[in-house]
Amino acid sequence: MTHRLKQSARVAAMAFAASALGACSLNLTPEPPASLLTLSPNGADTTGTTTRLEDGPIAVRIPEVPAKLNVSRIPVTVSETEIAYLQEAYWVERPSRLFRRLLGEALRARGPMLVLDSDDTPALAKQTLRGTLLEMGYDAQSSSVVVVYDAVRTDADGRQVITRRFEARESGVLPEPAAVGPALNRAANRVVAEVAQWIVENPPPPPPPPKEETKAEKAG
């Protein structure tokens, strides 16, 4: 076999190997999930917790999240030093956005307050609700779902800052999407309902009275 024929055979073999590898990689590509999980309001009773229009608009910001929640998966705490993800369980979008939307709906359910929970929130809110979504996942050691939110509420001028942690757990949950998804939805609804009630019970302070001009200022 001449040198040219040997070179052609080598090229053909390499092309065949690359083609076979490509076929294998296609077979290894995971299939899209059969369904996606989301959070939805559970229609909790809000009797006696209406807000007042004079409280003004409230801006709800997307909460900060740790790295384990910055994906469209459900984290599973295996131990104090090990985290996995629940198989075949995927959120329809990032948990932080789902939680922000659920929180906005909980506030709207409290009464006529104007809730600004879009990314293009104008700078007219009298108060702002931000925070950190620390947990929204499954604890394998206790077979429970956990939702933890650290809320920070500020007025428009930043003169008053109030913080509080909210937490909800539901135990006896099987480690499978059909059980974990609804349980997380119930726990998240309990958290946002408590946050909304907290906002209602802590209205923003009235604006300070206008400063009166001194005689010197009037003369000047």
C-alpha atoms as a PDB file:
ATOM      1  CA  MET A   1       0.000   0.000   0.000  1.00  0.00           C
ATOM      2  CA  THR A   2       1.472   3.339  -1.021  1.00  0.00           C
ATOM      3  CA  HIS A   3       1.951   6.187   1.440  1.00  0.00           C
ATOM      4  CA  ARG A   4      -0.971   8.091  -0.107  1.00  0.00           C
ATOM      5  CA  LEU A   5      -3.303   5.078   0.276  1.00  0.00           C
ATOM      6  CA  LYS A   6      -2.234   4.615   3.900  1.00  0.00           C
ATOM      7  CA  GLN A   7      -2.923   8.273   4.597  1.00  0.00           C
ATOM      8  CA  SER A   8      -6.378   8.038   2.980  1.00  0.00           C
ATOM      9  CA  ALA A   9      -7.229   4.957   5.041  1.00  0.00           C
ATOM     10  CA  ARG A  10      -6.153   6.739   8.230  1.00  0.00           C
ATOM     11  CA  VAL A  11      -8.315   9.747   7.426  1.00  0.00           C
ATOM     12  CA  ALA A  12     -11.308   7.502   6.689  1.00  0.00           C
ATOM     13  CA  ALA A  13     -10.844   5.674   9.989  1.00  0.00           C
ATOM     14  CA  MET A  14     -10.678   8.942  11.881  1.00  0.00           C
ATOM     15  CA  ALA A  15     -13.836  10.168  10.159  1.00  0.00           C
ATOM     16  CA  PHE A  16     -15.681   6.954  11.034  1.00  0.00           C
ATOM     17  CA  ALA A  17     -14.568   7.195  14.667  1.00  0.00           C
ATOM     18  CA  ALA A  18     -15.738  10.813  14.877  1.00  0.00           C
ATOM     19  CA  SER A  19     -19.086   9.858  13.342  1.00  0.00           C
ATOM     20  CA  ALA A  20     -19.520   6.991  15.812  1.00  0.00           C
ATOM     21  CA  LEU A  21     -18.605   9.263  18.721  1.00  0.00           C
ATOM     22  CA  GLY A  22     -21.126  11.825  17.551  1.00  0.00           C
ATOM     23  CA  ALA A  23     -23.835   9.189  17.411  1.00  0.00           C
ATOM     24  CA  CYS A  24     -22.974   8.052  20.920  1.00  0.00           C
ATOM     25  CA  SER A  25     -23.109  11.604  22.227  1.00  0.00           C
ATOM     26  CA  LEU A  26     -26.540  12.038  20.683  1.00  0.00           C
ATOM     27  CA  ASN A  27     -27.752   8.914  22.449  1.00  0.00           C
ATOM     28  CA  LEU A  28     -26.440  10.260  25.747  1.00  0.00           C
ATOM     29  CA  THR A  29     -28.314  13.571  25.475  1.00  0.00           C
ATOM     30  CA  PRO A  30     -30.945  13.675  28.262  1.00  0.00           C
ATOM     31  CA  GLU A  31     -34.541  13.894  27.146  1.00  0.00           C
ATOM     32  CA  PRO A  32     -36.562  16.972  28.163  1.00  0.00           C
ATOM     33  CA  PRO A  33     -38.616  16.507  31.355  1.00  0.00           C
ATOM     34  CA  ALA A  34     -42.187  15.288  30.926  1.00  0.00           C
ATOM     35  CA  SER A  35     -43.445  18.198  33.055  1.00  0.00           C
ATOM     36  CA  LEU A  36     -42.152  21.309  34.831  1.00  0.00           C
ATOM     37  CA  LEU A  37     -42.854  22.505  38.372  1.00  0.00           C
ATOM     38  CA  THR A  38     -44.067  25.963  39.362  1.00  0.00           C
ATOM     39  CA  LEU A  39     -45.443  27.888  42.338  1.00  0.00           C
ATOM     40  CA  SER A  40     -49.066  29.012  42.408  1.00  0.00           C
ATOM     41  CA  PRO A  41     -51.230  30.833  44.990  1.00  0.00           C
ATOM     42  CA  ASN A  42     -53.248  28.490  47.172  1.00  0.00           C
ATOM     43  CA  GLY A  43     -56.098  30.939  47.775  1.00  0.00           C
ATOM     44  CA  ALA A  44     -55.447  31.424  51.482  1.00  0.00           C
ATOM     45  CA  ASP A  45     -58.073  33.357  53.433  1.00  0.00           C
ATOM     46  CA  THR A  46     -57.147  37.025  53.821  1.00  0.00           C
ATOM     47  CA  THR A  47     -60.179  38.227  55.782  1.00  0.00           C
ATOM     48  CA  GLY A  48     -59.392  41.152  58.046  1.00  0.00           C
ATOM     49  CA  THR A  49     -55.966  41.854  56.560  1.00  0.00           C
ATOM     50  CA  THR A  50     -56.722  44.477  53.915  1.00  0.00           C
ATOM     51  CA  THR A  51     -54.169  47.176  53.258  1.00  0.00           C
ATOM     52  CA  ARG A  52     -54.704  50.880  52.838  1.00  0.00           C
ATOM     53  CA  LEU A  53     -54.258  52.866  49.663  1.00  0.00           C
ATOM     54  CA  GLU A  54     -52.396  55.565  51.580  1.00  0.00           C
ATOM     55  CA  ASP A  55     -49.624  53.059  52.301  1.00  0.00           C
ATOM     56  CA  GLY A  56     -48.552  53.643  48.706  1.00  0.00           C
ATOM     57  CA  PRO A  57     -47.008  51.295  46.121  1.00  0.00           C
ATOM     58  CA  ILE A  58     -44.599  48.596  47.223  1.00  0.00           C
ATOM     59  CA  ALA A  59     -41.804  47.304  45.016  1.00  0.00           C
ATOM     60  CA  VAL A  60     -41.021  43.591  45.339  1.00  0.00           C
ATOM     61  CA  ARG A  61     -37.499  42.719  44.245  1.00  0.00           C
ATOM     62  CA  ILE A  62     -36.196  39.356  43.089  1.00  0.00           C
ATOM     63  CA  PRO A  63     -34.614  37.769  46.155  1.00  0.00           C
ATOM     64  CA  GLU A  64     -30.959  36.904  46.231  1.00  0.00           C
ATOM     65  CA  VAL A  65     -30.201  33.177  46.355  1.00  0.00           C
ATOM     66  CA  PRO A  66     -27.223  30.974  47.173  1.00  0.00           C
ATOM     67  CA  ALA A  67     -25.548  29.105  44.325  1.00  0.00           C
ATOM     68  CA  LYS A  68     -27.551  25.919  44.953  1.00  0.00           C
ATOM     69  CA  LEU A  69     -30.798  27.787  44.157  1.00  0.00           C
ATOM     70  CA  ASN A  70     -29.461  29.694  41.170  1.00  0.00           C
ATOM     71  CA  VAL A  71     -30.592  26.880  38.868  1.00  0.00           C
ATOM     72  CA  SER A  72     -33.935  25.434  37.759  1.00  0.00           C
ATOM     73  CA  ARG A  73     -33.479  22.362  39.965  1.00  0.00           C
ATOM     74  CA  ILE A  74     -34.590  21.330  43.452  1.00  0.00           C
ATOM     75  CA  PRO A  75     -31.622  20.976  45.818  1.00  0.00           C
ATOM     76  CA  VAL A  76     -31.509  17.996  48.159  1.00  0.00           C
ATOM     77  CA  THR A  77     -29.556  18.358  51.394  1.00  0.00           C
ATOM     78  CA  VAL A  78     -27.957  14.954  51.862  1.00  0.00           C
ATOM     79  CA  SER A  79     -25.746  15.936  54.797  1.00  0.00           C
ATOM     80  CA  GLU A  80     -24.154  19.026  56.299  1.00  0.00           C
ATOM     81  CA  THR A  81     -21.480  18.924  53.601  1.00  0.00           C
ATOM     82  CA  GLU A  82     -23.248  17.338  50.625  1.00  0.00           C
ATOM     83  CA  ILE A  83     -25.945  18.650  48.293  1.00  0.00           C
ATOM     84  CA  ALA A  84     -27.524  16.835  45.346  1.00  0.00           C
ATOM     85  CA  TYR A  85     -30.477  17.592  43.063  1.00  0.00           C
ATOM     86  CA  LEU A  86     -33.781  15.772  42.893  1.00  0.00           C
ATOM     87  CA  GLN A  87     -33.921  13.618  39.780  1.00  0.00           C
ATOM     88  CA  GLU A  88     -36.460  14.497  37.072  1.00  0.00           C
ATOM     89  CA  ALA A  89     -37.567  17.629  38.942  1.00  0.00           C
ATOM     90  CA  TYR A  90     -37.227  20.947  37.107  1.00  0.00           C
ATOM     91  CA  TRP A  91     -38.759  24.370  37.773  1.00  0.00           C
ATOM     92  CA  VAL A  92     -40.340  26.192  34.844  1.00  0.00           C
ATOM     93  CA  GLU A  93     -37.987  29.100  35.667  1.00  0.00           C
ATOM     94  CA  ARG A  94     -35.518  30.080  38.381  1.00  0.00           C
ATOM     95  CA  PRO A  95     -36.866  29.691  41.952  1.00  0.00           C
ATOM     96  CA  SER A  96     -36.101  33.328  42.786  1.00  0.00           C
ATOM     97  CA  ARG A  97     -38.459  34.598  40.076  1.00  0.00           C
ATOM     98  CA  LEU A  98     -41.189  32.118  40.991  1.00  0.00           C
ATOM     99  CA  PHE A  99     -40.964  33.156  44.634  1.00  0.00           C
ATOM    100  CA  ARG A 100     -41.052  36.892  43.791  1.00  0.00           C
ATOM    101  CA  ARG A 101     -44.186  36.405  41.698  1.00  0.00           C
ATOM    102  CA  LEU A 102     -45.883  34.368  44.446  1.00  0.00           C
ATOM    103  CA  LEU A 103     -45.001  37.036  47.001  1.00  0.00           C
ATOM    104  CA  GLY A 104     -46.498  39.737  44.794  1.00  0.00           C
ATOM    105  CA  GLU A 105     -49.744  37.772  44.490  1.00  0.00           C
ATOM    106  CA  ALA A 106     -49.894  37.317  48.258  1.00  0.00           C
ATOM    107  CA  LEU A 107     -49.570  41.076  48.771  1.00  0.00           C
ATOM    108  CA  ARG A 108     -52.254  41.838  46.176  1.00  0.00           C
ATOM    109  CA  ALA A 109     -54.612  39.444  47.948  1.00  0.00           C
ATOM    110  CA  ARG A 110     -54.379  41.602  51.078  1.00  0.00           C
ATOM    111  CA  GLY A 111     -56.214  44.557  49.552  1.00  0.00           C
ATOM    112  CA  PRO A 112     -55.915  47.509  47.187  1.00  0.00           C
ATOM    113  CA  MET A 113     -52.162  48.035  47.594  1.00  0.00           C
ATOM    114  CA  LEU A 114     -50.337  48.657  44.315  1.00  0.00           C
ATOM    115  CA  VAL A 115     -47.672  45.950  44.014  1.00  0.00           C
ATOM    116  CA  LEU A 116     -44.791  46.505  41.587  1.00  0.00           C
ATOM    117  CA  ASP A 117     -43.161  43.141  40.928  1.00  0.00           C
ATOM    118  CA  SER A 118     -41.781  43.443  37.405  1.00  0.00           C
ATOM    119  CA  ASP A 119     -38.197  43.989  36.297  1.00  0.00           C
ATOM    120  CA  ASP A 120     -39.118  47.475  35.034  1.00  0.00           C
ATOM    121  CA  THR A 121     -40.341  48.797  38.388  1.00  0.00           C
ATOM    122  CA  PRO A 122     -40.525  52.611  38.305  1.00  0.00           C
ATOM    123  CA  ALA A 123     -38.999  54.645  41.107  1.00  0.00           C
ATOM    124  CA  LEU A 124     -42.302  55.653  42.704  1.00  0.00           C
ATOM    125  CA  ALA A 125     -42.684  52.978  45.371  1.00  0.00           C
ATOM    126  CA  LYS A 126     -43.091  54.189  48.942  1.00  0.00           C
ATOM    127  CA  GLN A 127     -41.568  50.992  50.254  1.00  0.00           C
ATOM    128  CA  THR A 128     -39.421  48.169  48.923  1.00  0.00           C
ATOM    129  CA  LEU A 129     -39.361  44.505  49.858  1.00  0.00           C
ATOM    130  CA  ARG A 130     -36.158  42.635  49.125  1.00  0.00           C
ATOM    131  CA  GLY A 131     -34.357  39.769  50.773  1.00  0.00           C
ATOM    132  CA  THR A 132     -32.635  36.418  50.384  1.00  0.00           C
ATOM    133  CA  LEU A 133     -34.264  33.094  49.592  1.00  0.00           C
ATOM    134  CA  LEU A 134     -31.960  30.876  51.647  1.00  0.00           C
ATOM    135  CA  GLU A 135     -33.747  27.553  51.241  1.00  0.00           C
ATOM    136  CA  MET A 136     -36.337  26.106  48.905  1.00  0.00           C
ATOM    137  CA  GLY A 137     -35.595  22.432  48.624  1.00  0.00           C
ATOM    138  CA  TYR A 138     -35.693  18.981  50.161  1.00  0.00           C
ATOM    139  CA  ASP A 139     -33.959  17.738  53.319  1.00  0.00           C
ATOM    140  CA  ALA A 140     -33.207  14.040  52.896  1.00  0.00           C
ATOM    141  CA  GLN A 141     -32.293  13.534  56.556  1.00  0.00           C
ATOM    142  CA  SER A 142     -35.734  14.580  57.814  1.00  0.00           C
ATOM    143  CA  SER A 143     -37.775  13.749  54.668  1.00  0.00           C
ATOM    144  CA  SER A 144     -39.103  17.284  54.597  1.00  0.00           C
ATOM    145  CA  VAL A 145     -39.271  20.306  52.335  1.00  0.00           C
ATOM    146  CA  VAL A 146     -37.895  23.605  53.619  1.00  0.00           C
ATOM    147  CA  VAL A 147     -38.481  27.225  52.559  1.00  0.00           C
ATOM    148  CA  VAL A 148     -36.541  30.004  54.309  1.00  0.00           C
ATOM    149  CA  TYR A 149     -36.732  33.684  53.337  1.00  0.00           C
ATOM    150  CA  ASP A 150     -34.906  36.597  54.981  1.00  0.00           C
ATOM    151  CA  ALA A 151     -37.015  39.686  54.248  1.00  0.00           C
ATOM    152  CA  VAL A 152     -35.808  43.287  54.274  1.00  0.00           C
ATOM    153  CA  ARG A 153     -38.385  46.083  54.099  1.00  0.00           C
ATOM    154  CA  THR A 154     -37.330  49.703  53.577  1.00  0.00           C
ATOM    155  CA  ASP A 155     -39.191  52.943  52.994  1.00  0.00           C
ATOM    156  CA  ALA A 156     -38.563  55.211  50.027  1.00  0.00           C
ATOM    157  CA  ASP A 157     -36.002  57.358  51.854  1.00  0.00           C
ATOM    158  CA  GLY A 158     -34.234  54.450  53.520  1.00  0.00           C
ATOM    159  CA  ARG A 159     -34.961  55.952  56.918  1.00  0.00           C
ATOM    160  CA  GLN A 160     -36.606  52.797  58.218  1.00  0.00           C
ATOM    161  CA  VAL A 161     -35.288  49.289  57.647  1.00  0.00           C
ATOM    162  CA  ILE A 162     -37.031  46.235  59.114  1.00  0.00           C
ATOM    163  CA  THR A 163     -35.812  42.661  58.728  1.00  0.00           C
ATOM    164  CA  ARG A 164     -37.322  39.315  59.645  1.00  0.00           C
ATOM    165  CA  ARG A 165     -36.790  35.636  58.819  1.00  0.00           C
ATOM    166  CA  PHE A 166     -39.696  33.471  57.649  1.00  0.00           C
ATOM    167  CA  GLU A 167     -39.553  29.687  57.517  1.00  0.00           C
ATOM    168  CA  ALA A 168     -41.928  26.842  56.678  1.00  0.00           C
ATOM    169  CA  ARG A 169     -41.380  23.073  56.737  1.00  0.00           C
ATOM    170  CA  GLU A 170     -43.457  20.080  55.773  1.00  0.00           C
ATOM    171  CA  SER A 171     -42.304  16.625  56.878  1.00  0.00           C
ATOM    172  CA  GLY A 172     -43.149  13.122  55.717  1.00  0.00           C
ATOM    173  CA  VAL A 173     -42.533  13.968  52.048  1.00  0.00           C
ATOM    174  CA  LEU A 174     -41.341  11.269  49.666  1.00  0.00           C
ATOM    175  CA  PRO A 175     -38.216  12.148  47.637  1.00  0.00           C
ATOM    176  CA  GLU A 176     -39.962  12.268  44.280  1.00  0.00           C
ATOM    177  CA  PRO A 177     -41.172  15.199  42.135  1.00  0.00           C
ATOM    178  CA  ALA A 178     -44.876  14.309  42.468  1.00  0.00           C
ATOM    179  CA  ALA A 179     -44.594  14.742  46.253  1.00  0.00           C
ATOM    180  CA  VAL A 180     -41.867  17.378  46.636  1.00  0.00           C
ATOM    181  CA  GLY A 181     -43.333  19.853  44.124  1.00  0.00           C
ATOM    182  CA  PRO A 182     -46.760  20.274  45.796  1.00  0.00           C
ATOM    183  CA  ALA A 183     -45.180  20.258  49.266  1.00  0.00           C
ATOM    184  CA  LEU A 184     -42.810  23.076  48.296  1.00  0.00           C
ATOM    185  CA  ASN A 185     -45.738  25.014  46.866  1.00  0.00           C
ATOM    186  CA  ARG A 186     -47.644  24.711  50.149  1.00  0.00           C
ATOM    187  CA  ALA A 187     -44.596  25.722  52.198  1.00  0.00           C
ATOM    188  CA  ALA A 188     -43.827  28.681  49.935  1.00  0.00           C
ATOM    189  CA  ASN A 189     -47.446  29.852  50.185  1.00  0.00           C
ATOM    190  CA  ARG A 190     -47.259  29.773  53.977  1.00  0.00           C
ATOM    191  CA  VAL A 191     -44.087  31.862  53.896  1.00  0.00           C
ATOM    192  CA  VAL A 192     -45.420  34.524  51.520  1.00  0.00           C
ATOM    193  CA  ALA A 193     -48.693  34.736  53.468  1.00  0.00           C
ATOM    194  CA  GLU A 194     -46.724  35.473  56.640  1.00  0.00           C
ATOM    195  CA  VAL A 195     -44.575  38.021  54.805  1.00  0.00           C
ATOM    196  CA  ALA A 196     -47.663  39.773  53.427  1.00  0.00           C
ATOM    197  CA  GLN A 197     -49.244  39.913  56.890  1.00  0.00           C
ATOM    198  CA  TRP A 198     -46.001  41.323  58.290  1.00  0.00           C
ATOM    199  CA  ILE A 199     -45.999  44.058  55.643  1.00  0.00           C
ATOM    200  CA  VAL A 200     -49.613  44.945  56.461  1.00  0.00           C
ATOM    201  CA  GLU A 201     -48.878  45.163  60.177  1.00  0.00           C
ATOM    202  CA  ASN A 202     -45.831  47.375  59.602  1.00  0.00           C
ATOM    203  CA  PRO A 203     -46.940  50.216  57.301  1.00  0.00           C
ATOM    204  CA  PRO A 204     -44.322  52.757  56.237  1.00  0.00           C
ATOM    205  CA  PRO A 205     -43.940  55.750  58.556  1.00  0.00           C
ATOM    206  CA  PRO A 206     -45.550  59.030  57.487  1.00  0.00           C
ATOM    207  CA  PRO A 207     -43.251  61.448  55.662  1.00  0.00           C
ATOM    208  CA  PRO A 208     -41.612  64.091  57.833  1.00  0.00           C
ATOM    209  CA  PRO A 209     -43.341  67.493  57.923  1.00  0.00           C
ATOM    210  CA  PRO A 210     -41.912  70.120  55.573  1.00  0.00           C
ATOM    211  CA  LYS A 211     -39.134  72.169  57.080  1.00  0.00           C
ATOM    212  CA  GLU A 212     -40.181  75.673  58.051  1.00  0.00           C
ATOM    213  CA  GLU A 213     -38.051  78.521  56.783  1.00  0.00           C
ATOM    214  CA  THR A 214     -36.252  80.550  59.388  1.00  0.00           C
ATOM    215  CA  LYS A 215     -36.421  84.326  59.475  1.00  0.00           C
ATOM    216  CA  ALA A 216     -32.911  84.531  58.053  1.00  0.00           C
ATOM    217  CA  GLU A 217     -33.851  82.256  55.147  1.00  0.00           C
ATOM    218  CA  LYS A 218     -36.975  84.302  54.437  1.00  0.00           C
ATOM    219  CA  ALA A 219     -35.003  87.549  54.544  1.00  0.00           C
ATOM    220  CA  GLY A 220     -32.335  86.165  52.252  1.00  0.00           C
END
